[in-house]
Amino acid sequence: IDHFFPERKNIKGKVAKLNFDIINAFVLRGPEYY
């Protein structure tokens, strides 16, 4: 995930990082899976 989204490494807060992961690793992938 850090390779595809290098900006993730700069996110320090737990909630901010979790939001980022939810959106980019999971939510946005749903239509692609479909």
Full PDB file with SEQRES, HELIX, SHEET, SSBOND, CRYST1, ORIGX, SCALE, CONECT and MASTER records, all heavy atoms in Angstrom:
SEQRES   1 A   34  ILE ASP HIS PHE PHE PRO GLU ARG LYS ASN ILE LYS GLY          
SEQRES   2 A   34  LYS VAL ALA LYS LEU ASN PHE ASP ILE ILE ASN ALA PHE          
SEQRES   3 A   34  VAL LEU ARG GLY PRO GLU TYR TYR                              
HELIX    1 AA1 PRO A    6  ASN A   10  5                                   5    
HELIX    2 AA2 LYS A   14  ASP A   21  1                                   8    
HELIX    3 AA3 ILE A   22  PHE A   26  3                                   5    
HELIX    4 AA4 VAL A   27  ARG A   29  5                                   3    
HELIX    5 AA5 GLY A   30  TYR A   33  1                                   4    
CRYST1    1.000    1.000    1.000  90.00  90.00  90.00 P 1           1          
ORIGX1      1.000000  0.000000  0.000000        0.00000                         
ORIGX2      0.000000  1.000000  0.000000        0.00000                         
ORIGX3      0.000000  0.000000  1.000000        0.00000                         
SCALE1      1.000000  0.000000  0.000000        0.00000                         
SCALE2      0.000000  1.000000  0.000000        0.00000                         
SCALE3      0.000000  0.000000  1.000000        0.00000                         
ATOM      1  N   ILE A   1       0.821  -1.211   0.000  1.00  0.00           N  
ATOM      2  CA  ILE A   1       0.000   0.000   0.000  1.00  0.00           C  
ATOM      3  C   ILE A   1       0.859   1.268   0.000  1.00  0.00           C  
ATOM      4  O   ILE A   1       0.540   2.250  -0.668  1.00  0.00           O  
ATOM      5  CB  ILE A   1      -0.993   0.007   1.188  1.00  0.00           C  
ATOM      6  CG1 ILE A   1      -1.923   1.228   1.100  1.00  0.00           C  
ATOM      7  CG2 ILE A   1      -0.271  -0.067   2.520  1.00  0.00           C  
ATOM      8  CD1 ILE A   1      -3.061   1.194   2.090  1.00  0.00           C  
ATOM      9  N   ASP A   2       1.989   1.242   0.719  1.00  0.00           N  
ATOM     10  CA  ASP A   2       2.845   2.432   0.750  1.00  0.00           C  
ATOM     11  C   ASP A   2       3.511   2.676  -0.595  1.00  0.00           C  
ATOM     12  O   ASP A   2       3.838   3.821  -0.931  1.00  0.00           O  
ATOM     13  CB  ASP A   2       3.920   2.280   1.832  1.00  0.00           C  
ATOM     14  CG  ASP A   2       3.353   2.471   3.235  1.00  0.00           C  
ATOM     15  OD1 ASP A   2       2.277   3.084   3.352  1.00  0.00           O  
ATOM     16  OD2 ASP A   2       3.978   2.000   4.201  1.00  0.00           O  
ATOM     17  N   HIS A   3       3.701   1.621  -1.373  1.00  0.00           N  
ATOM     18  CA  HIS A   3       4.260   1.781  -2.719  1.00  0.00           C  
ATOM     19  C   HIS A   3       3.258   2.477  -3.637  1.00  0.00           C  
ATOM     20  O   HIS A   3       3.625   3.378  -4.404  1.00  0.00           O  
ATOM     21  CB  HIS A   3       4.639   0.417  -3.294  1.00  0.00           C  
ATOM     22  CG  HIS A   3       4.973   0.444  -4.753  1.00  0.00           C  
ATOM     23  ND1 HIS A   3       6.177   0.950  -5.234  1.00  0.00           N  
ATOM     24  CD2 HIS A   3       4.265   0.057  -5.853  1.00  0.00           C  
ATOM     25  CE1 HIS A   3       6.186   0.861  -6.552  1.00  0.00           C  
ATOM     26  NE2 HIS A   3       5.044   0.331  -6.952  1.00  0.00           N  
ATOM     27  N   PHE A   4       2.000   2.071  -3.560  1.00  0.00           N  
ATOM     28  CA  PHE A   4       0.969   2.667  -4.413  1.00  0.00           C  
ATOM     29  C   PHE A   4       0.559   4.053  -3.923  1.00  0.00           C  
ATOM     30  O   PHE A   4       0.176   4.905  -4.719  1.00  0.00           O  
ATOM     31  CB  PHE A   4      -0.261   1.756  -4.472  1.00  0.00           C  
ATOM     32  CG  PHE A   4      -0.099   0.568  -5.368  1.00  0.00           C  
ATOM     33  CD1 PHE A   4       0.348  -0.644  -4.869  1.00  0.00           C  
ATOM     34  CD2 PHE A   4      -0.369   0.661  -6.729  1.00  0.00           C  
ATOM     35  CE1 PHE A   4       0.505  -1.743  -5.691  1.00  0.00           C  
ATOM     36  CE2 PHE A   4      -0.214  -0.431  -7.567  1.00  0.00           C  
ATOM     37  CZ  PHE A   4       0.235  -1.637  -7.047  1.00  0.00           C  
ATOM     38  N   PHE A   5       0.650   4.249  -2.610  1.00  0.00           N  
ATOM     39  CA  PHE A   5       0.256   5.526  -2.028  1.00  0.00           C  
ATOM     40  C   PHE A   5       1.376   6.024  -1.112  1.00  0.00           C  
ATOM     41  O   PHE A   5       1.264   5.942   0.113  1.00  0.00           O  
ATOM     42  CB  PHE A   5      -1.049   5.388  -1.249  1.00  0.00           C  
ATOM     43  CG  PHE A   5      -2.195   4.877  -2.066  1.00  0.00           C  
ATOM     44  CD1 PHE A   5      -2.594   3.546  -1.970  1.00  0.00           C  
ATOM     45  CD2 PHE A   5      -2.871   5.706  -2.946  1.00  0.00           C  
ATOM     46  CE1 PHE A   5      -3.643   3.067  -2.723  1.00  0.00           C  
ATOM     47  CE2 PHE A   5      -3.923   5.238  -3.713  1.00  0.00           C  
ATOM     48  CZ  PHE A   5      -4.317   3.906  -3.605  1.00  0.00           C  
ATOM     49  N   PRO A   6       2.472   6.540  -1.688  1.00  0.00           N  
ATOM     50  CA  PRO A   6       3.630   6.950  -0.872  1.00  0.00           C  
ATOM     51  C   PRO A   6       3.308   8.048   0.138  1.00  0.00           C  
ATOM     52  O   PRO A   6       3.999   8.174   1.154  1.00  0.00           O  
ATOM     53  CB  PRO A   6       4.642   7.431  -1.915  1.00  0.00           C  
ATOM     54  CG  PRO A   6       3.856   7.680  -3.159  1.00  0.00           C  
ATOM     55  CD  PRO A   6       2.719   6.717  -3.133  1.00  0.00           C  
ATOM     56  N   GLU A   7       2.253   8.809  -0.121  1.00  0.00           N  
ATOM     57  CA  GLU A   7       1.878   9.877   0.808  1.00  0.00           C  
ATOM     58  C   GLU A   7       1.401   9.319   2.149  1.00  0.00           C  
ATOM     59  O   GLU A   7       1.377  10.027   3.161  1.00  0.00           O  
ATOM     60  CB  GLU A   7       0.786  10.763   0.197  1.00  0.00           C  
ATOM     61  CG  GLU A   7      -0.565  10.109  -0.031  1.00  0.00           C  
ATOM     62  CD  GLU A   7      -0.702   9.412  -1.389  1.00  0.00           C  
ATOM     63  OE1 GLU A   7       0.338   8.983  -1.929  1.00  0.00           O  
ATOM     64  OE2 GLU A   7      -1.829   9.299  -1.884  1.00  0.00           O  
ATOM     65  N   ARG A   8       1.042   8.045   2.171  1.00  0.00           N  
ATOM     66  CA  ARG A   8       0.561   7.415   3.407  1.00  0.00           C  
ATOM     67  C   ARG A   8       1.618   7.458   4.507  1.00  0.00           C  
ATOM     68  O   ARG A   8       1.288   7.559   5.693  1.00  0.00           O  
ATOM     69  CB  ARG A   8       0.154   5.971   3.121  1.00  0.00           C  
ATOM     70  CG  ARG A   8      -0.386   5.203   4.319  1.00  0.00           C  
ATOM     71  CD  ARG A   8      -0.801   3.800   3.892  1.00  0.00           C  
ATOM     72  NE  ARG A   8      -1.377   3.036   5.001  1.00  0.00           N  
ATOM     73  CZ  ARG A   8      -0.681   2.240   5.807  1.00  0.00           C  
ATOM     74  NH1 ARG A   8       0.636   2.118   5.640  1.00  0.00           N  
ATOM     75  NH2 ARG A   8      -1.284   1.579   6.780  1.00  0.00           N  
ATOM     76  N   LYS A   9       2.881   7.383   4.132  1.00  0.00           N  
ATOM     77  CA  LYS A   9       3.965   7.360   5.120  1.00  0.00           C  
ATOM     78  C   LYS A   9       4.023   8.643   5.943  1.00  0.00           C  
ATOM     79  O   LYS A   9       4.563   8.653   7.048  1.00  0.00           O  
ATOM     80  CB  LYS A   9       5.301   7.134   4.422  1.00  0.00           C  
ATOM     81  CG  LYS A   9       5.431   5.778   3.746  1.00  0.00           C  
ATOM     82  CD  LYS A   9       6.778   5.643   3.058  1.00  0.00           C  
ATOM     83  CE  LYS A   9       6.914   4.298   2.369  1.00  0.00           C  
ATOM     84  NZ  LYS A   9       8.218   4.168   1.670  1.00  0.00           N  
ATOM     85  N   ASN A  10       3.479   9.712   5.395  1.00  0.00           N  
ATOM     86  CA  ASN A  10       3.525  11.006   6.093  1.00  0.00           C  
ATOM     87  C   ASN A  10       2.334  11.241   7.011  1.00  0.00           C  
ATOM     88  O   ASN A  10       2.257  12.273   7.672  1.00  0.00           O  
ATOM     89  CB  ASN A  10       3.609  12.131   5.057  1.00  0.00           C  
ATOM     90  CG  ASN A  10       4.852  12.025   4.190  1.00  0.00           C  
ATOM     91  OD1 ASN A  10       5.925  11.681   4.678  1.00  0.00           O  
ATOM     92  ND2 ASN A  10       4.706  12.312   2.903  1.00  0.00           N  
ATOM     93  N   ILE A  11       1.411  10.280   7.036  1.00  0.00           N  
ATOM     94  CA  ILE A  11       0.226  10.422   7.885  1.00  0.00           C  
ATOM     95  C   ILE A  11       0.544   9.841   9.259  1.00  0.00           C  
ATOM     96  O   ILE A  11       0.841   8.656   9.389  1.00  0.00           O  
ATOM     97  CB  ILE A  11      -0.983   9.697   7.266  1.00  0.00           C  
ATOM     98  CG1 ILE A  11      -1.277  10.256   5.865  1.00  0.00           C  
ATOM     99  CG2 ILE A  11      -2.209   9.843   8.163  1.00  0.00           C  
ATOM    100  CD1 ILE A  11      -2.349   9.494   5.118  1.00  0.00           C  
ATOM    101  N   LYS A  12       0.486  10.653  10.285  1.00  0.00           N  
ATOM    102  CA  LYS A  12       0.901  10.227  11.617  1.00  0.00           C  
ATOM    103  C   LYS A  12      -0.263   9.799  12.514  1.00  0.00           C  
ATOM    104  O   LYS A  12      -0.149   8.860  13.288  1.00  0.00           O  
ATOM    105  CB  LYS A  12       1.678  11.355  12.300  1.00  0.00           C  
ATOM    106  CG  LYS A  12       2.918  11.809  11.529  1.00  0.00           C  
ATOM    107  CD  LYS A  12       3.907  10.679  11.315  1.00  0.00           C  
ATOM    108  CE  LYS A  12       5.142  11.150  10.548  1.00  0.00           C  
ATOM    109  NZ  LYS A  12       6.069  10.035  10.257  1.00  0.00           N  
ATOM    110  N   GLY A  13      -1.375  10.492  12.449  1.00  0.00           N  
ATOM    111  CA  GLY A  13      -2.482  10.206  13.353  1.00  0.00           C  
ATOM    112  C   GLY A  13      -3.133   8.861  13.073  1.00  0.00           C  
ATOM    113  O   GLY A  13      -3.261   8.453  11.908  1.00  0.00           O  
ATOM    114  N   LYS A  14      -3.558   8.160  14.112  1.00  0.00           N  
ATOM    115  CA  LYS A  14      -4.183   6.845  13.958  1.00  0.00           C  
ATOM    116  C   LYS A  14      -5.473   6.945  13.148  1.00  0.00           C  
ATOM    117  O   LYS A  14      -5.694   6.156  12.220  1.00  0.00           O  
ATOM    118  CB  LYS A  14      -4.484   6.248  15.333  1.00  0.00           C  
ATOM    119  CG  LYS A  14      -3.262   5.942  16.176  1.00  0.00           C  
ATOM    120  CD  LYS A  14      -3.678   5.421  17.548  1.00  0.00           C  
ATOM    121  CE  LYS A  14      -2.477   5.268  18.463  1.00  0.00           C  
ATOM    122  NZ  LYS A  14      -2.879   4.815  19.832  1.00  0.00           N  
ATOM    123  N   VAL A  15      -6.324   7.903  13.489  1.00  0.00           N  
ATOM    124  CA  VAL A  15      -7.607   8.039  12.794  1.00  0.00           C  
ATOM    125  C   VAL A  15      -7.392   8.492  11.363  1.00  0.00           C  
ATOM    126  O   VAL A  15      -8.039   7.999  10.432  1.00  0.00           O  
ATOM    127  CB  VAL A  15      -8.535   9.012  13.553  1.00  0.00           C  
ATOM    128  CG1 VAL A  15      -9.796   9.291  12.740  1.00  0.00           C  
ATOM    129  CG2 VAL A  15      -8.891   8.441  14.912  1.00  0.00           C  
ATOM    130  N   ALA A  16      -6.483   9.429  11.151  1.00  0.00           N  
ATOM    131  CA  ALA A  16      -6.202   9.906   9.794  1.00  0.00           C  
ATOM    132  C   ALA A  16      -5.686   8.781   8.916  1.00  0.00           C  
ATOM    133  O   ALA A  16      -6.099   8.639   7.748  1.00  0.00           O  
ATOM    134  CB  ALA A  16      -5.191  11.045   9.848  1.00  0.00           C  
ATOM    135  N   LYS A  17      -4.798   7.964   9.454  1.00  0.00           N  
ATOM    136  CA  LYS A  17      -4.263   6.841   8.672  1.00  0.00           C  
ATOM    137  C   LYS A  17      -5.348   5.797   8.408  1.00  0.00           C  
ATOM    138  O   LYS A  17      -5.422   5.229   7.307  1.00  0.00           O  
ATOM    139  CB  LYS A  17      -3.082   6.198   9.403  1.00  0.00           C  
ATOM    140  CG  LYS A  17      -2.467   5.019   8.661  1.00  0.00           C  
ATOM    141  CD  LYS A  17      -1.133   4.573   9.235  1.00  0.00           C  
ATOM    142  CE  LYS A  17      -0.015   5.500   8.791  1.00  0.00           C  
ATOM    143  NZ  LYS A  17       1.327   4.956   9.128  1.00  0.00           N  
ATOM    144  N   LEU A  18      -6.202   5.567   9.401  1.00  0.00           N  
ATOM    145  CA  LEU A  18      -7.279   4.611   9.216  1.00  0.00           C  
ATOM    146  C   LEU A  18      -8.259   5.094   8.155  1.00  0.00           C  
ATOM    147  O   LEU A  18      -8.706   4.310   7.300  1.00  0.00           O  
ATOM    148  CB  LEU A  18      -7.998   4.375  10.544  1.00  0.00           C  
ATOM    149  CG  LEU A  18      -9.075   3.290  10.564  1.00  0.00           C  
ATOM    150  CD1 LEU A  18      -8.549   1.972  10.024  1.00  0.00           C  
ATOM    151  CD2 LEU A  18      -9.615   3.114  11.985  1.00  0.00           C  
ATOM    152  N   ASN A  19      -8.606   6.374   8.168  1.00  0.00           N  
ATOM    153  CA  ASN A  19      -9.462   6.926   7.121  1.00  0.00           C  
ATOM    154  C   ASN A  19      -8.835   6.736   5.748  1.00  0.00           C  
ATOM    155  O   ASN A  19      -9.505   6.344   4.787  1.00  0.00           O  
ATOM    156  CB  ASN A  19      -9.686   8.428   7.367  1.00  0.00           C  
ATOM    157  CG  ASN A  19     -11.019   8.721   8.027  1.00  0.00           C  
ATOM    158  OD1 ASN A  19     -12.067   8.372   7.519  1.00  0.00           O  
ATOM    159  ND2 ASN A  19     -10.963   9.357   9.186  1.00  0.00           N  
ATOM    160  N   PHE A  20      -7.546   7.045   5.657  1.00  0.00           N  
ATOM    161  CA  PHE A  20      -6.841   6.907   4.382  1.00  0.00           C  
ATOM    162  C   PHE A  20      -6.902   5.463   3.894  1.00  0.00           C  
ATOM    163  O   PHE A  20      -7.187   5.202   2.708  1.00  0.00           O  
ATOM    164  CB  PHE A  20      -5.387   7.346   4.538  1.00  0.00           C  
ATOM    165  CG  PHE A  20      -4.612   7.343   3.248  1.00  0.00           C  
ATOM    166  CD1 PHE A  20      -4.563   8.482   2.452  1.00  0.00           C  
ATOM    167  CD2 PHE A  20      -3.941   6.212   2.817  1.00  0.00           C  
ATOM    168  CE1 PHE A  20      -3.858   8.481   1.251  1.00  0.00           C  
ATOM    169  CE2 PHE A  20      -3.241   6.196   1.624  1.00  0.00           C  
ATOM    170  CZ  PHE A  20      -3.196   7.344   0.839  1.00  0.00           C  
ATOM    171  N   ASP A  21      -6.655   4.524   4.783  1.00  0.00           N  
ATOM    172  CA  ASP A  21      -6.659   3.114   4.392  1.00  0.00           C  
ATOM    173  C   ASP A  21      -8.052   2.643   4.002  1.00  0.00           C  
ATOM    174  O   ASP A  21      -8.214   1.910   3.011  1.00  0.00           O  
ATOM    175  CB  ASP A  21      -6.133   2.253   5.545  1.00  0.00           C  
ATOM    176  CG  ASP A  21      -4.643   2.431   5.783  1.00  0.00           C  
ATOM    177  OD1 ASP A  21      -3.980   3.075   4.939  1.00  0.00           O  
ATOM    178  OD2 ASP A  21      -4.137   1.935   6.806  1.00  0.00           O  
ATOM    179  N   ILE A  22      -9.059   3.052   4.764  1.00  0.00           N  
ATOM    180  CA  ILE A  22     -10.426   2.643   4.446  1.00  0.00           C  
ATOM    181  C   ILE A  22     -10.799   3.087   3.041  1.00  0.00           C  
ATOM    182  O   ILE A  22     -11.352   2.310   2.240  1.00  0.00           O  
ATOM    183  CB  ILE A  22     -11.417   3.232   5.471  1.00  0.00           C  
ATOM    184  CG1 ILE A  22     -11.239   2.549   6.839  1.00  0.00           C  
ATOM    185  CG2 ILE A  22     -12.861   3.072   4.987  1.00  0.00           C  
ATOM    186  CD1 ILE A  22     -12.004   3.236   7.959  1.00  0.00           C  
ATOM    187  N   ILE A  23     -10.487   4.340   2.719  1.00  0.00           N  
ATOM    188  CA  ILE A  23     -10.877   4.887   1.415  1.00  0.00           C  
ATOM    189  C   ILE A  23     -10.059   4.268   0.287  1.00  0.00           C  
ATOM    190  O   ILE A  23     -10.619   3.782  -0.711  1.00  0.00           O  
ATOM    191  CB  ILE A  23     -10.722   6.416   1.416  1.00  0.00           C  
ATOM    192  CG1 ILE A  23     -11.742   7.048   2.366  1.00  0.00           C  
ATOM    193  CG2 ILE A  23     -10.883   6.985   0.007  1.00  0.00           C  
ATOM    194  CD1 ILE A  23     -11.520   8.524   2.638  1.00  0.00           C  
ATOM    195  N   ASN A  24      -8.743   4.259   0.432  1.00  0.00           N  
ATOM    196  CA  ASN A  24      -7.885   3.884  -0.690  1.00  0.00           C  
ATOM    197  C   ASN A  24      -7.662   2.385  -0.847  1.00  0.00           C  
ATOM    198  O   ASN A  24      -7.579   1.881  -1.972  1.00  0.00           O  
ATOM    199  CB  ASN A  24      -6.539   4.598  -0.549  1.00  0.00           C  
ATOM    200  CG  ASN A  24      -6.667   6.089  -0.739  1.00  0.00           C  
ATOM    201  OD1 ASN A  24      -6.796   6.583  -1.853  1.00  0.00           O  
ATOM    202  ND2 ASN A  24      -6.646   6.836   0.361  1.00  0.00           N  
ATOM    203  N   ALA A  25      -7.570   1.672   0.258  1.00  0.00           N  
ATOM    204  CA  ALA A  25      -7.343   0.232   0.163  1.00  0.00           C  
ATOM    205  C   ALA A  25      -8.640  -0.542  -0.010  1.00  0.00           C  
ATOM    206  O   ALA A  25      -8.639  -1.630  -0.602  1.00  0.00           O  
ATOM    207  CB  ALA A  25      -6.603  -0.267   1.405  1.00  0.00           C  
ATOM    208  N   PHE A  26      -9.746   0.029   0.462  1.00  0.00           N  
ATOM    209  CA  PHE A  26     -10.985  -0.736   0.469  1.00  0.00           C  
ATOM    210  C   PHE A  26     -12.105  -0.098  -0.355  1.00  0.00           C  
ATOM    211  O   PHE A  26     -12.522  -0.653  -1.370  1.00  0.00           O  
ATOM    212  CB  PHE A  26     -11.439  -0.946   1.923  1.00  0.00           C  
ATOM    213  CG  PHE A  26     -10.466  -1.769   2.725  1.00  0.00           C  
ATOM    214  CD1 PHE A  26      -9.541  -1.155   3.562  1.00  0.00           C  
ATOM    215  CD2 PHE A  26     -10.460  -3.151   2.634  1.00  0.00           C  
ATOM    216  CE1 PHE A  26      -8.630  -1.914   4.296  1.00  0.00           C  
ATOM    217  CE2 PHE A  26      -9.551  -3.921   3.356  1.00  0.00           C  
ATOM    218  CZ  PHE A  26      -8.633  -3.296   4.191  1.00  0.00           C  
ATOM    219  N   VAL A  27     -12.594   1.075   0.050  1.00  0.00           N  
ATOM    220  CA  VAL A  27     -13.802   1.639  -0.567  1.00  0.00           C  
ATOM    221  C   VAL A  27     -13.635   1.854  -2.066  1.00  0.00           C  
ATOM    222  O   VAL A  27     -14.497   1.452  -2.868  1.00  0.00           O  
ATOM    223  CB  VAL A  27     -14.181   2.958   0.128  1.00  0.00           C  
ATOM    224  CG1 VAL A  27     -15.351   3.619  -0.604  1.00  0.00           C  
ATOM    225  CG2 VAL A  27     -14.544   2.714   1.589  1.00  0.00           C  
ATOM    226  N   LEU A  28     -12.549   2.474  -2.476  1.00  0.00           N  
ATOM    227  CA  LEU A  28     -12.354   2.782  -3.897  1.00  0.00           C  
ATOM    228  C   LEU A  28     -12.116   1.545  -4.746  1.00  0.00           C  
ATOM    229  O   LEU A  28     -12.211   1.602  -5.976  1.00  0.00           O  
ATOM    230  CB  LEU A  28     -11.185   3.759  -4.071  1.00  0.00           C  
ATOM    231  CG  LEU A  28     -11.403   5.158  -3.486  1.00  0.00           C  
ATOM    232  CD1 LEU A  28     -10.167   6.023  -3.694  1.00  0.00           C  
ATOM    233  CD2 LEU A  28     -12.629   5.824  -4.106  1.00  0.00           C  
ATOM    234  N   ARG A  29     -11.824   0.445  -4.125  1.00  0.00           N  
ATOM    235  CA  ARG A  29     -11.585  -0.788  -4.866  1.00  0.00           C  
ATOM    236  C   ARG A  29     -12.895  -1.514  -5.177  1.00  0.00           C  
ATOM    237  O   ARG A  29     -12.931  -2.378  -6.055  1.00  0.00           O  
ATOM    238  CB  ARG A  29     -10.652  -1.727  -4.083  1.00  0.00           C  
ATOM    239  CG  ARG A  29      -9.354  -1.058  -3.583  1.00  0.00           C  
ATOM    240  CD  ARG A  29      -8.321  -0.897  -4.686  1.00  0.00           C  
ATOM    241  NE  ARG A  29      -8.590   0.115  -5.657  1.00  0.00           N  
ATOM    242  CZ  ARG A  29      -8.299   1.415  -5.519  1.00  0.00           C  
ATOM    243  NH1 ARG A  29      -7.752   1.875  -4.411  1.00  0.00           N  
ATOM    244  NH2 ARG A  29      -8.547   2.263  -6.498  1.00  0.00           N  
ATOM    245  N   GLY A  30     -13.964  -1.187  -4.464  1.00  0.00           N  
ATOM    246  CA  GLY A  30     -15.237  -1.879  -4.656  1.00  0.00           C  
ATOM    247  C   GLY A  30     -15.730  -1.892  -6.098  1.00  0.00           C  
ATOM    248  O   GLY A  30     -16.041  -2.964  -6.644  1.00  0.00           O  
ATOM    249  N   PRO A  31     -15.810  -0.739  -6.771  1.00  0.00           N  
ATOM    250  CA  PRO A  31     -16.252  -0.737  -8.173  1.00  0.00           C  
ATOM    251  C   PRO A  31     -15.323  -1.540  -9.090  1.00  0.00           C  
ATOM    252  O   PRO A  31     -15.786  -2.147 -10.065  1.00  0.00           O  
ATOM    253  CB  PRO A  31     -16.241   0.754  -8.539  1.00  0.00           C  
ATOM    254  CG  PRO A  31     -16.419   1.462  -7.234  1.00  0.00           C  
ATOM    255  CD  PRO A  31     -15.674   0.631  -6.244  1.00  0.00           C  
ATOM    256  N   GLU A  32     -14.039  -1.547  -8.782  1.00  0.00           N  
ATOM    257  CA  GLU A  32     -13.091  -2.328  -9.589  1.00  0.00           C  
ATOM    258  C   GLU A  32     -13.341  -3.826  -9.410  1.00  0.00           C  
ATOM    259  O   GLU A  32     -13.312  -4.586 -10.377  1.00  0.00           O  
ATOM    260  CB  GLU A  32     -11.660  -1.978  -9.191  1.00  0.00           C  
ATOM    261  CG  GLU A  32     -11.303  -0.515  -9.416  1.00  0.00           C  
ATOM    262  CD  GLU A  32      -9.964  -0.125  -8.807  1.00  0.00           C  
ATOM    263  OE1 GLU A  32      -9.356  -0.954  -8.101  1.00  0.00           O  
ATOM    264  OE2 GLU A  32      -9.540   1.025  -9.017  1.00  0.00           O  
ATOM    265  N   TYR A  33     -13.587  -4.234  -8.181  1.00  0.00           N  
ATOM    266  CA  TYR A  33     -13.921  -5.639  -7.944  1.00  0.00           C  
ATOM    267  C   TYR A  33     -15.190  -6.017  -8.709  1.00  0.00           C  
ATOM    268  O   TYR A  33     -15.270  -7.098  -9.317  1.00  0.00           O  
ATOM    269  CB  TYR A  33     -14.146  -5.892  -6.443  1.00  0.00           C  
ATOM    270  CG  TYR A  33     -12.947  -5.701  -5.557  1.00  0.00           C  
ATOM    271  CD1 TYR A  33     -13.109  -5.308  -4.225  1.00  0.00           C  
ATOM    272  CD2 TYR A  33     -11.649  -5.923  -6.009  1.00  0.00           C  
ATOM    273  CE1 TYR A  33     -12.026  -5.138  -3.382  1.00  0.00           C  
ATOM    274  CE2 TYR A  33     -10.556  -5.753  -5.172  1.00  0.00           C  
ATOM    275  CZ  TYR A  33     -10.745  -5.358  -3.861  1.00  0.00           C  
ATOM    276  OH  TYR A  33      -9.672  -5.192  -3.024  1.00  0.00           O  
ATOM    277  N   TYR A  34     -16.172  -5.127  -8.658  1.00  0.00           N  
ATOM    278  CA  TYR A  34     -17.439  -5.383  -9.355  1.00  0.00           C  
ATOM    279  C   TYR A  34     -17.213  -5.587 -10.850  1.00  0.00           C  
ATOM    280  O   TYR A  34     -17.768  -6.521 -11.457  1.00  0.00           O  
ATOM    281  CB  TYR A  34     -18.389  -4.220  -9.098  1.00  0.00           C  
ATOM    282  CG  TYR A  34     -19.697  -4.268  -9.852  1.00  0.00           C  
ATOM    283  CD1 TYR A  34     -20.439  -5.442  -9.952  1.00  0.00           C  
ATOM    284  CD2 TYR A  34     -20.218  -3.114 -10.448  1.00  0.00           C  
ATOM    285  CE1 TYR A  34     -21.652  -5.478 -10.629  1.00  0.00           C  
ATOM    286  CE2 TYR A  34     -21.426  -3.134 -11.128  1.00  0.00           C  
ATOM    287  CZ  TYR A  34     -22.137  -4.320 -11.218  1.00  0.00           C  
ATOM    288  OH  TYR A  34     -23.327  -4.346 -11.902  1.00  0.00           O  
TER     289      TYR A  34                                                      
MASTER        0    0    0    5    0    0    0    6  288    1    0    3          
END                                                                             
